[in-house]
Amino acid sequence: MEIYSPADIHQDCLSSALNCSISELDVLEYECGLKEKKDDSNVFENFYSGLEFAMDYTSPSPSSCKACEMYPTKNVEEFLEAIKNLVEQW
């Protein structure tokens, strides 16, 4: 499975990159059927909450930032690493 993975994000585009990551987590959750798996679903809900919290404290991104579909696709492990790097940048 390949997922759009924001990387090398300029500070001004952090909000749109976080939003992209949240959207792609929705795809991952759906594709893997995690809503039916209570323990995994709770982990994802906590992860979403953390990303949404970060979004609340990030300025809106200008329209010049990349759309989610413009980022490269990566496998799940690389996608999760990209999110980790994104959150560390925040």
N, C-alpha and C. Protein backbone atom coordinates (compact mmCIF):
# COMPACT_ATOMS: atom_id res chain seq x y z
N MET A 1 0.84 -1.17 0.00
CA MET A 1 0.00 0.00 0.00
C MET A 1 0.88 1.24 0.00
N GLU A 2 0.60 2.16 -0.87
CA GLU A 2 1.35 3.41 -0.98
C GLU A 2 0.45 4.57 -0.55
N ILE A 3 1.02 5.49 0.22
CA ILE A 3 0.26 6.61 0.80
C ILE A 3 1.01 7.90 0.53
N TYR A 4 0.29 8.98 0.20
CA TYR A 4 0.92 10.28 0.04
C TYR A 4 1.58 10.68 1.35
N SER A 5 2.85 11.04 1.28
CA SER A 5 3.64 11.28 2.48
C SER A 5 4.37 12.62 2.42
N PRO A 6 3.81 13.64 3.08
CA PRO A 6 4.50 14.94 3.11
C PRO A 6 5.91 14.82 3.69
N ALA A 7 6.85 15.44 3.03
CA ALA A 7 8.24 15.43 3.49
C ALA A 7 8.90 16.74 3.09
N ASP A 8 9.96 17.10 3.80
CA ASP A 8 10.68 18.35 3.53
C ASP A 8 9.72 19.54 3.48
N ILE A 9 8.97 19.70 4.54
CA ILE A 9 7.91 20.71 4.61
C ILE A 9 8.47 22.04 5.08
N HIS A 10 8.18 23.09 4.33
CA HIS A 10 8.53 24.44 4.75
C HIS A 10 7.59 24.82 5.89
N GLN A 11 8.07 25.58 6.84
CA GLN A 11 7.29 25.94 8.03
C GLN A 11 5.92 26.54 7.66
N ASP A 12 5.85 27.33 6.60
CA ASP A 12 4.58 27.94 6.19
C ASP A 12 3.54 26.92 5.74
N CYS A 13 4.00 25.74 5.34
CA CYS A 13 3.10 24.72 4.80
C CYS A 13 2.79 23.60 5.80
N LEU A 14 3.14 23.81 7.04
CA LEU A 14 2.96 22.77 8.05
C LEU A 14 1.49 22.39 8.21
N SER A 15 0.60 23.34 8.19
CA SER A 15 -0.82 23.06 8.37
C SER A 15 -1.36 22.17 7.25
N SER A 16 -1.03 22.47 6.01
CA SER A 16 -1.53 21.65 4.91
C SER A 16 -0.90 20.25 4.93
N ALA A 17 0.34 20.15 5.37
CA ALA A 17 0.99 18.84 5.47
C ALA A 17 0.35 18.00 6.57
N LEU A 18 0.02 18.63 7.70
CA LEU A 18 -0.68 17.92 8.77
C LEU A 18 -2.05 17.45 8.30
N ASN A 19 -2.75 18.32 7.59
CA ASN A 19 -4.07 17.96 7.07
C ASN A 19 -3.97 16.79 6.10
N CYS A 20 -2.97 16.80 5.25
CA CYS A 20 -2.74 15.70 4.32
C CYS A 20 -2.49 14.40 5.09
N SER A 21 -1.67 14.47 6.13
CA SER A 21 -1.36 13.28 6.92
C SER A 21 -2.61 12.71 7.58
N ILE A 22 -3.46 13.59 8.09
CA ILE A 22 -4.71 13.14 8.71
C ILE A 22 -5.60 12.46 7.68
N SER A 23 -5.70 13.04 6.50
CA SER A 23 -6.51 12.45 5.42
C SER A 23 -5.97 11.08 5.02
N GLU A 24 -4.66 10.98 4.93
CA GLU A 24 -4.06 9.71 4.53
C GLU A 24 -4.18 8.66 5.64
N LEU A 25 -4.21 9.09 6.89
CA LEU A 25 -4.48 8.15 7.99
C LEU A 25 -5.89 7.58 7.88
N ASP A 26 -6.84 8.41 7.43
CA ASP A 26 -8.20 7.92 7.20
C ASP A 26 -8.18 6.81 6.15
N VAL A 27 -7.43 7.01 5.08
CA VAL A 27 -7.31 6.00 4.03
C VAL A 27 -6.70 4.72 4.61
N LEU A 28 -5.64 4.87 5.36
CA LEU A 28 -4.97 3.71 5.95
C LEU A 28 -5.91 2.95 6.88
N GLU A 29 -6.62 3.68 7.72
CA GLU A 29 -7.56 3.05 8.65
C GLU A 29 -8.64 2.27 7.90
N TYR A 30 -9.17 2.87 6.83
CA TYR A 30 -10.21 2.22 6.04
C TYR A 30 -9.66 0.98 5.31
N GLU A 31 -8.54 1.17 4.62
CA GLU A 31 -7.97 0.08 3.82
C GLU A 31 -7.56 -1.13 4.68
N CYS A 32 -7.14 -0.86 5.89
CA CYS A 32 -6.70 -1.94 6.78
C CYS A 32 -7.82 -2.46 7.66
N GLY A 33 -9.00 -1.88 7.56
CA GLY A 33 -10.14 -2.33 8.35
C GLY A 33 -9.94 -2.15 9.84
N LEU A 34 -9.28 -1.08 10.23
CA LEU A 34 -8.95 -0.90 11.65
C LEU A 34 -10.14 -0.47 12.51
N LYS A 35 -11.18 0.05 11.91
CA LYS A 35 -12.36 0.43 12.70
C LYS A 35 -12.98 -0.79 13.38
N GLU A 36 -12.85 -1.95 12.75
CA GLU A 36 -13.43 -3.17 13.31
C GLU A 36 -12.55 -3.75 14.42
N LYS A 37 -11.30 -3.32 14.50
CA LYS A 37 -10.36 -3.83 15.49
C LYS A 37 -10.24 -2.79 16.60
N LYS A 38 -10.92 -3.02 17.69
CA LYS A 38 -11.05 -2.02 18.75
C LYS A 38 -9.70 -1.50 19.25
N ASP A 39 -8.75 -2.38 19.55
CA ASP A 39 -7.46 -1.94 20.09
C ASP A 39 -6.73 -1.04 19.09
N ASP A 40 -6.69 -1.46 17.83
CA ASP A 40 -6.02 -0.66 16.80
C ASP A 40 -6.75 0.65 16.56
N SER A 41 -8.07 0.62 16.62
CA SER A 41 -8.86 1.83 16.41
C SER A 41 -8.55 2.86 17.49
N ASN A 42 -8.39 2.42 18.73
CA ASN A 42 -8.06 3.34 19.82
C ASN A 42 -6.70 3.99 19.60
N VAL A 43 -5.74 3.24 19.12
CA VAL A 43 -4.42 3.79 18.83
C VAL A 43 -4.53 4.87 17.77
N PHE A 44 -5.29 4.59 16.71
CA PHE A 44 -5.47 5.57 15.64
C PHE A 44 -6.20 6.81 16.15
N GLU A 45 -7.22 6.63 16.98
CA GLU A 45 -7.95 7.78 17.51
C GLU A 45 -7.02 8.68 18.32
N ASN A 46 -6.16 8.10 19.13
CA ASN A 46 -5.20 8.89 19.90
C ASN A 46 -4.22 9.61 18.99
N PHE A 47 -3.80 8.94 17.93
CA PHE A 47 -2.88 9.53 16.96
C PHE A 47 -3.54 10.72 16.26
N TYR A 48 -4.81 10.51 15.81
CA TYR A 48 -5.56 11.60 15.19
C TYR A 48 -5.67 12.80 16.13
N SER A 49 -6.00 12.52 17.37
CA SER A 49 -6.16 13.60 18.36
C SER A 49 -4.89 14.43 18.47
N GLY A 50 -3.75 13.76 18.48
CA GLY A 50 -2.47 14.47 18.56
C GLY A 50 -2.22 15.35 17.34
N LEU A 51 -2.52 14.83 16.16
CA LEU A 51 -2.33 15.61 14.94
C LEU A 51 -3.32 16.77 14.87
N GLU A 52 -4.55 16.52 15.29
CA GLU A 52 -5.54 17.60 15.28
C GLU A 52 -5.18 18.68 16.29
N PHE A 53 -4.61 18.29 17.42
CA PHE A 53 -4.13 19.26 18.41
C PHE A 53 -3.05 20.14 17.78
N ALA A 54 -2.13 19.53 17.07
CA ALA A 54 -1.08 20.29 16.39
C ALA A 54 -1.68 21.24 15.37
N MET A 55 -2.72 20.79 14.65
CA MET A 55 -3.38 21.65 13.66
C MET A 55 -3.98 22.89 14.32
N ASP A 56 -4.50 22.74 15.53
CA ASP A 56 -5.12 23.87 16.24
C ASP A 56 -4.11 24.97 16.53
N TYR A 57 -2.85 24.63 16.60
CA TYR A 57 -1.81 25.60 16.96
C TYR A 57 -0.89 25.94 15.79
N THR A 58 -1.34 25.65 14.59
CA THR A 58 -0.56 25.92 13.39
C THR A 58 -1.32 26.92 12.53
N SER A 59 -0.62 27.89 12.01
CA SER A 59 -1.23 28.90 11.14
C SER A 59 -1.68 28.25 9.83
N PRO A 60 -2.77 28.75 9.25
CA PRO A 60 -3.21 28.22 7.96
C PRO A 60 -2.10 28.35 6.90
N SER A 61 -2.04 27.39 6.03
CA SER A 61 -1.02 27.39 4.98
C SER A 61 -1.45 28.25 3.80
N PRO A 62 -0.50 28.92 3.14
CA PRO A 62 -0.85 29.67 1.93
C PRO A 62 -1.19 28.72 0.78
N SER A 63 -1.87 29.24 -0.20
CA SER A 63 -2.30 28.42 -1.34
C SER A 63 -1.12 27.91 -2.17
N SER A 64 0.05 28.48 -1.97
CA SER A 64 1.22 28.04 -2.74
C SER A 64 1.78 26.70 -2.25
N CYS A 65 1.28 26.20 -1.13
CA CYS A 65 1.76 24.91 -0.61
C CYS A 65 1.23 23.76 -1.48
N LYS A 66 1.94 22.67 -1.46
CA LYS A 66 1.56 21.50 -2.26
C LYS A 66 0.23 20.92 -1.82
N ALA A 67 -0.54 20.45 -2.79
CA ALA A 67 -1.73 19.65 -2.50
C ALA A 67 -1.25 18.27 -2.07
N CYS A 68 -2.05 17.59 -1.31
CA CYS A 68 -1.67 16.27 -0.79
C CYS A 68 -1.19 15.33 -1.90
N GLU A 69 -1.91 15.35 -3.02
CA GLU A 69 -1.60 14.43 -4.12
C GLU A 69 -0.29 14.77 -4.82
N MET A 70 0.32 15.89 -4.47
CA MET A 70 1.59 16.27 -5.08
C MET A 70 2.80 15.71 -4.32
N TYR A 71 2.57 15.19 -3.13
CA TYR A 71 3.66 14.58 -2.37
C TYR A 71 3.93 13.18 -2.90
N PRO A 72 5.14 12.69 -2.71
CA PRO A 72 5.43 11.32 -3.17
C PRO A 72 4.66 10.29 -2.34
N THR A 73 4.40 9.16 -2.94
CA THR A 73 3.77 8.07 -2.18
C THR A 73 4.87 7.19 -1.59
N LYS A 74 4.57 6.68 -0.41
CA LYS A 74 5.53 5.81 0.29
C LYS A 74 4.77 4.68 0.94
N ASN A 75 5.51 3.64 1.33
CA ASN A 75 4.86 2.54 2.02
C ASN A 75 4.46 2.99 3.43
N VAL A 76 3.71 2.18 4.13
CA VAL A 76 3.16 2.55 5.43
C VAL A 76 4.25 2.90 6.43
N GLU A 77 5.28 2.12 6.49
CA GLU A 77 6.37 2.38 7.45
C GLU A 77 7.01 3.75 7.17
N GLU A 78 7.29 4.04 5.92
CA GLU A 78 7.88 5.33 5.55
C GLU A 78 6.90 6.48 5.80
N PHE A 79 5.61 6.23 5.56
CA PHE A 79 4.58 7.23 5.83
C PHE A 79 4.56 7.59 7.32
N LEU A 80 4.57 6.59 8.18
CA LEU A 80 4.56 6.84 9.63
C LEU A 80 5.83 7.57 10.07
N GLU A 81 6.95 7.24 9.47
CA GLU A 81 8.19 7.95 9.77
C GLU A 81 8.10 9.42 9.32
N ALA A 82 7.46 9.65 8.17
CA ALA A 82 7.29 11.03 7.69
C ALA A 82 6.41 11.83 8.64
N ILE A 83 5.36 11.19 9.18
CA ILE A 83 4.52 11.88 10.17
C ILE A 83 5.31 12.20 11.42
N LYS A 84 6.11 11.27 11.86
CA LYS A 84 6.97 11.51 13.04
C LYS A 84 7.87 12.73 12.80
N ASN A 85 8.49 12.79 11.65
CA ASN A 85 9.35 13.92 11.31
C ASN A 85 8.55 15.23 11.23
N LEU A 86 7.36 15.14 10.70
CA LEU A 86 6.49 16.32 10.59
C LEU A 86 6.14 16.86 11.97
N VAL A 87 5.77 15.97 12.87
CA VAL A 87 5.41 16.38 14.23
C VAL A 87 6.63 16.94 14.95
N GLU A 88 7.78 16.34 14.75
CA GLU A 88 9.01 16.85 15.38
C GLU A 88 9.35 18.25 14.85
N GLN A 89 9.02 18.51 13.59
CA GLN A 89 9.26 19.83 13.00
C GLN A 89 8.34 20.87 13.61
N TRP A 90 7.14 20.45 13.98
CA TRP A 90 6.16 21.36 14.54
C TRP A 90 6.68 21.86 15.85
